[in-house]
Amino acid sequence: MIRTTGYFLWCLCRILCGFALLGLGIFLSIPGIPGPGIVFIVLGFGVLSPHFYWAHRAHMYTKQLWQEILDRRKNAAAKRETDNG
């Protein structure tokens, strides 16, 4: 009984923290408000992803998009090196 209640409270705490991070990220993404809004949105999706399927999909999409951006930058840097040398 105590173990089940502890797990429930842990899940509830994670869900509340995830939504808080998501809300903070959305707030910081408003133009004119300085701050790393996108980082907090991704962290919020990461915390919520074990509990909600939509958050898991959004988290996987942002990870895939980030990987594509890194690959493009790596390919552009390699192309610049071959063009210069």
N, C-alpha and C. Protein backbone atom coordinates (compact mmCIF):
# COMPACT_ATOMS: atom_id res chain seq x y z
N MET A 1 0.82 -1.20 0.00
CA MET A 1 0.00 0.00 0.00
C MET A 1 0.87 1.26 0.00
N ILE A 2 1.87 1.29 0.87
CA ILE A 2 2.73 2.47 0.95
C ILE A 2 3.55 2.61 -0.32
N ARG A 3 4.03 1.49 -0.84
CA ARG A 3 4.82 1.54 -2.07
C ARG A 3 3.98 2.06 -3.24
N THR A 4 2.73 1.63 -3.32
CA THR A 4 1.84 2.09 -4.39
C THR A 4 1.57 3.58 -4.25
N THR A 5 1.34 4.03 -3.03
CA THR A 5 1.09 5.46 -2.81
C THR A 5 2.33 6.28 -3.14
N GLY A 6 3.51 5.78 -2.78
CA GLY A 6 4.74 6.49 -3.11
C GLY A 6 4.96 6.60 -4.61
N TYR A 7 4.66 5.52 -5.34
CA TYR A 7 4.80 5.55 -6.79
C TYR A 7 3.81 6.53 -7.40
N PHE A 8 2.58 6.53 -6.89
CA PHE A 8 1.57 7.45 -7.39
C PHE A 8 2.00 8.89 -7.16
N LEU A 9 2.52 9.19 -5.97
CA LEU A 9 2.96 10.54 -5.69
C LEU A 9 4.16 10.93 -6.55
N TRP A 10 5.06 9.98 -6.80
CA TRP A 10 6.21 10.24 -7.67
C TRP A 10 5.74 10.57 -9.09
N CYS A 11 4.79 9.79 -9.60
CA CYS A 11 4.26 10.05 -10.94
C CYS A 11 3.55 11.40 -10.99
N LEU A 12 2.78 11.70 -9.97
CA LEU A 12 2.07 12.98 -9.92
C LEU A 12 3.06 14.14 -9.88
N CYS A 13 4.12 14.00 -9.10
CA CYS A 13 5.15 15.04 -9.03
C CYS A 13 5.83 15.23 -10.38
N ARG A 14 6.15 14.13 -11.06
CA ARG A 14 6.77 14.23 -12.39
C ARG A 14 5.85 14.91 -13.38
N ILE A 15 4.56 14.57 -13.34
CA ILE A 15 3.60 15.16 -14.27
C ILE A 15 3.47 16.66 -14.00
N LEU A 16 3.35 17.04 -12.75
CA LEU A 16 3.24 18.46 -12.41
C LEU A 16 4.49 19.23 -12.81
N CYS A 17 5.66 18.66 -12.54
CA CYS A 17 6.92 19.32 -12.94
C CYS A 17 7.03 19.41 -14.46
N GLY A 18 6.60 18.38 -15.15
CA GLY A 18 6.64 18.40 -16.62
C GLY A 18 5.76 19.49 -17.20
N PHE A 19 4.54 19.61 -16.66
CA PHE A 19 3.66 20.67 -17.14
C PHE A 19 4.18 22.05 -16.75
N ALA A 20 4.83 22.15 -15.59
CA ALA A 20 5.43 23.43 -15.19
C ALA A 20 6.56 23.82 -16.15
N LEU A 21 7.41 22.85 -16.50
CA LEU A 21 8.48 23.13 -17.46
C LEU A 21 7.91 23.50 -18.82
N LEU A 22 6.87 22.80 -19.24
CA LEU A 22 6.24 23.10 -20.53
C LEU A 22 5.64 24.50 -20.52
N GLY A 23 4.94 24.85 -19.45
CA GLY A 23 4.36 26.19 -19.35
C GLY A 23 5.42 27.28 -19.30
N LEU A 24 6.48 27.04 -18.55
CA LEU A 24 7.58 28.01 -18.49
C LEU A 24 8.23 28.17 -19.87
N GLY A 25 8.40 27.07 -20.58
CA GLY A 25 8.99 27.15 -21.92
C GLY A 25 8.12 27.92 -22.88
N ILE A 26 6.82 27.71 -22.80
CA ILE A 26 5.90 28.45 -23.68
C ILE A 26 5.94 29.94 -23.32
N PHE A 27 5.98 30.24 -22.02
CA PHE A 27 6.05 31.64 -21.59
C PHE A 27 7.35 32.29 -22.07
N LEU A 28 8.47 31.59 -21.95
CA LEU A 28 9.75 32.16 -22.36
C LEU A 28 9.90 32.24 -23.89
N SER A 29 9.03 31.55 -24.62
CA SER A 29 9.09 31.61 -26.08
C SER A 29 8.36 32.82 -26.65
N ILE A 30 7.66 33.55 -25.81
CA ILE A 30 6.95 34.74 -26.26
C ILE A 30 7.99 35.78 -26.68
N PRO A 31 7.81 36.40 -27.85
CA PRO A 31 8.78 37.41 -28.28
C PRO A 31 8.86 38.56 -27.27
N GLY A 32 10.08 38.97 -27.00
CA GLY A 32 10.30 40.06 -26.07
C GLY A 32 10.66 39.60 -24.67
N ILE A 33 10.47 38.33 -24.38
CA ILE A 33 10.83 37.79 -23.06
C ILE A 33 12.10 36.97 -23.24
N PRO A 34 13.19 37.39 -22.62
CA PRO A 34 14.45 36.67 -22.81
C PRO A 34 14.46 35.35 -22.03
N GLY A 35 15.08 34.36 -22.64
CA GLY A 35 15.21 33.08 -21.96
C GLY A 35 15.19 31.92 -22.94
N PRO A 36 15.67 30.79 -22.50
CA PRO A 36 15.74 29.60 -23.37
C PRO A 36 14.42 28.83 -23.38
N GLY A 37 13.42 29.37 -24.02
CA GLY A 37 12.10 28.74 -24.02
C GLY A 37 12.07 27.37 -24.65
N ILE A 38 12.76 27.20 -25.76
CA ILE A 38 12.76 25.91 -26.46
C ILE A 38 13.38 24.83 -25.59
N VAL A 39 14.40 25.16 -24.85
CA VAL A 39 15.05 24.18 -23.97
C VAL A 39 14.07 23.68 -22.92
N PHE A 40 13.31 24.59 -22.33
CA PHE A 40 12.35 24.18 -21.31
C PHE A 40 11.20 23.38 -21.90
N ILE A 41 10.80 23.69 -23.12
CA ILE A 41 9.75 22.91 -23.78
C ILE A 41 10.22 21.48 -24.02
N VAL A 42 11.44 21.33 -24.51
CA VAL A 42 11.98 19.98 -24.75
C VAL A 42 12.14 19.23 -23.44
N LEU A 43 12.61 19.89 -22.39
CA LEU A 43 12.71 19.25 -21.08
C LEU A 43 11.34 18.83 -20.55
N GLY A 44 10.35 19.67 -20.75
CA GLY A 44 8.99 19.33 -20.33
C GLY A 44 8.47 18.10 -21.06
N PHE A 45 8.71 18.05 -22.38
CA PHE A 45 8.30 16.85 -23.14
C PHE A 45 9.06 15.62 -22.65
N GLY A 46 10.33 15.79 -22.32
CA GLY A 46 11.12 14.66 -21.83
C GLY A 46 10.60 14.13 -20.51
N VAL A 47 10.19 15.01 -19.62
CA VAL A 47 9.67 14.58 -18.32
C VAL A 47 8.29 13.95 -18.47
N LEU A 48 7.48 14.49 -19.37
CA LEU A 48 6.12 13.98 -19.56
C LEU A 48 6.04 12.74 -20.45
N SER A 49 7.08 12.46 -21.22
CA SER A 49 7.00 11.39 -22.22
C SER A 49 6.73 10.00 -21.66
N PRO A 50 7.20 9.62 -20.47
CA PRO A 50 6.82 8.28 -19.99
C PRO A 50 5.35 8.15 -19.61
N HIS A 51 4.67 9.28 -19.41
CA HIS A 51 3.29 9.24 -18.92
C HIS A 51 2.25 9.53 -20.00
N PHE A 52 2.63 10.25 -21.05
CA PHE A 52 1.69 10.64 -22.09
C PHE A 52 2.27 10.32 -23.46
N TYR A 53 1.44 9.70 -24.31
CA TYR A 53 1.90 9.32 -25.64
C TYR A 53 2.18 10.55 -26.50
N TRP A 54 1.35 11.58 -26.40
CA TRP A 54 1.55 12.77 -27.20
C TRP A 54 2.87 13.46 -26.84
N ALA A 55 3.23 13.43 -25.57
CA ALA A 55 4.50 14.03 -25.16
C ALA A 55 5.68 13.19 -25.67
N HIS A 56 5.50 11.87 -25.68
CA HIS A 56 6.55 10.99 -26.20
C HIS A 56 6.78 11.25 -27.68
N ARG A 57 5.69 11.38 -28.44
CA ARG A 57 5.82 11.67 -29.88
C ARG A 57 6.50 13.01 -30.10
N ALA A 58 6.11 14.03 -29.34
CA ALA A 58 6.72 15.36 -29.50
C ALA A 58 8.19 15.32 -29.12
N HIS A 59 8.52 14.58 -28.07
CA HIS A 59 9.91 14.46 -27.64
C HIS A 59 10.75 13.76 -28.70
N MET A 60 10.23 12.68 -29.27
CA MET A 60 10.96 11.96 -30.31
C MET A 60 11.11 12.83 -31.57
N TYR A 61 10.09 13.61 -31.89
CA TYR A 61 10.16 14.50 -33.05
C TYR A 61 11.24 15.56 -32.85
N THR A 62 11.31 16.15 -31.66
CA THR A 62 12.32 17.18 -31.44
C THR A 62 13.72 16.57 -31.42
N LYS A 63 13.86 15.35 -30.89
CA LYS A 63 15.17 14.70 -30.92
C LYS A 63 15.59 14.41 -32.36
N GLN A 64 14.66 13.96 -33.20
CA GLN A 64 14.96 13.68 -34.59
C GLN A 64 15.31 14.98 -35.33
N LEU A 65 14.56 16.03 -35.07
CA LEU A 65 14.83 17.32 -35.71
C LEU A 65 16.20 17.85 -35.29
N TRP A 66 16.56 17.71 -34.03
CA TRP A 66 17.86 18.15 -33.54
C TRP A 66 18.98 17.36 -34.22
N GLN A 67 18.78 16.06 -34.38
CA GLN A 67 19.80 15.23 -35.03
C GLN A 67 19.97 15.63 -36.49
N GLU A 68 18.88 15.94 -37.17
CA GLU A 68 18.97 16.39 -38.56
C GLU A 68 19.73 17.72 -38.66
N ILE A 69 19.48 18.62 -37.72
CA ILE A 69 20.19 19.91 -37.72
C ILE A 69 21.68 19.68 -37.52
N LEU A 70 22.04 18.80 -36.58
CA LEU A 70 23.45 18.51 -36.34
C LEU A 70 24.09 17.87 -37.56
N ASP A 71 23.39 16.96 -38.23
CA ASP A 71 23.93 16.32 -39.43
C ASP A 71 24.15 17.34 -40.55
N ARG A 72 23.19 18.26 -40.72
CA ARG A 72 23.35 19.29 -41.75
C ARG A 72 24.55 20.17 -41.48
N ARG A 73 24.73 20.54 -40.20
CA ARG A 73 25.89 21.38 -39.85
C ARG A 73 27.19 20.63 -40.08
N LYS A 74 27.20 19.33 -39.74
CA LYS A 74 28.40 18.53 -39.94
C LYS A 74 28.72 18.39 -41.42
N ASN A 75 27.69 18.16 -42.23
CA ASN A 75 27.91 18.05 -43.68
C ASN A 75 28.37 19.37 -44.27
N ALA A 76 27.83 20.48 -43.79
CA ALA A 76 28.24 21.79 -44.31
C ALA A 76 29.68 22.08 -43.93
N ALA A 77 30.08 21.72 -42.72
CA ALA A 77 31.46 21.94 -42.30
C ALA A 77 32.41 21.06 -43.11
N ALA A 78 32.03 19.82 -43.38
CA ALA A 78 32.86 18.94 -44.19
C ALA A 78 32.98 19.46 -45.62
N LYS A 79 31.89 20.02 -46.14
CA LYS A 79 31.93 20.56 -47.50
C LYS A 79 32.83 21.79 -47.57
N ARG A 80 32.78 22.63 -46.53
CA ARG A 80 33.66 23.82 -46.49
C ARG A 80 35.12 23.40 -46.45
N GLU A 81 35.42 22.36 -45.69
CA GLU A 81 36.81 21.89 -45.61
C GLU A 81 37.30 21.36 -46.95
N THR A 82 36.45 20.64 -47.66
CA THR A 82 36.87 20.11 -48.96
C THR A 82 37.00 21.23 -49.99
N ASP A 83 36.14 22.26 -49.88
CA ASP A 83 36.22 23.38 -50.81
C ASP A 83 37.47 24.22 -50.57
N ASN A 84 37.86 24.36 -49.31
CA ASN A 84 39.03 25.18 -48.98
C ASN A 84 40.35 24.43 -49.20
N GLY A 85 40.32 23.13 -49.07
CA GLY A 85 41.58 22.41 -49.11
C GLY A 85 41.70 21.59 -50.31
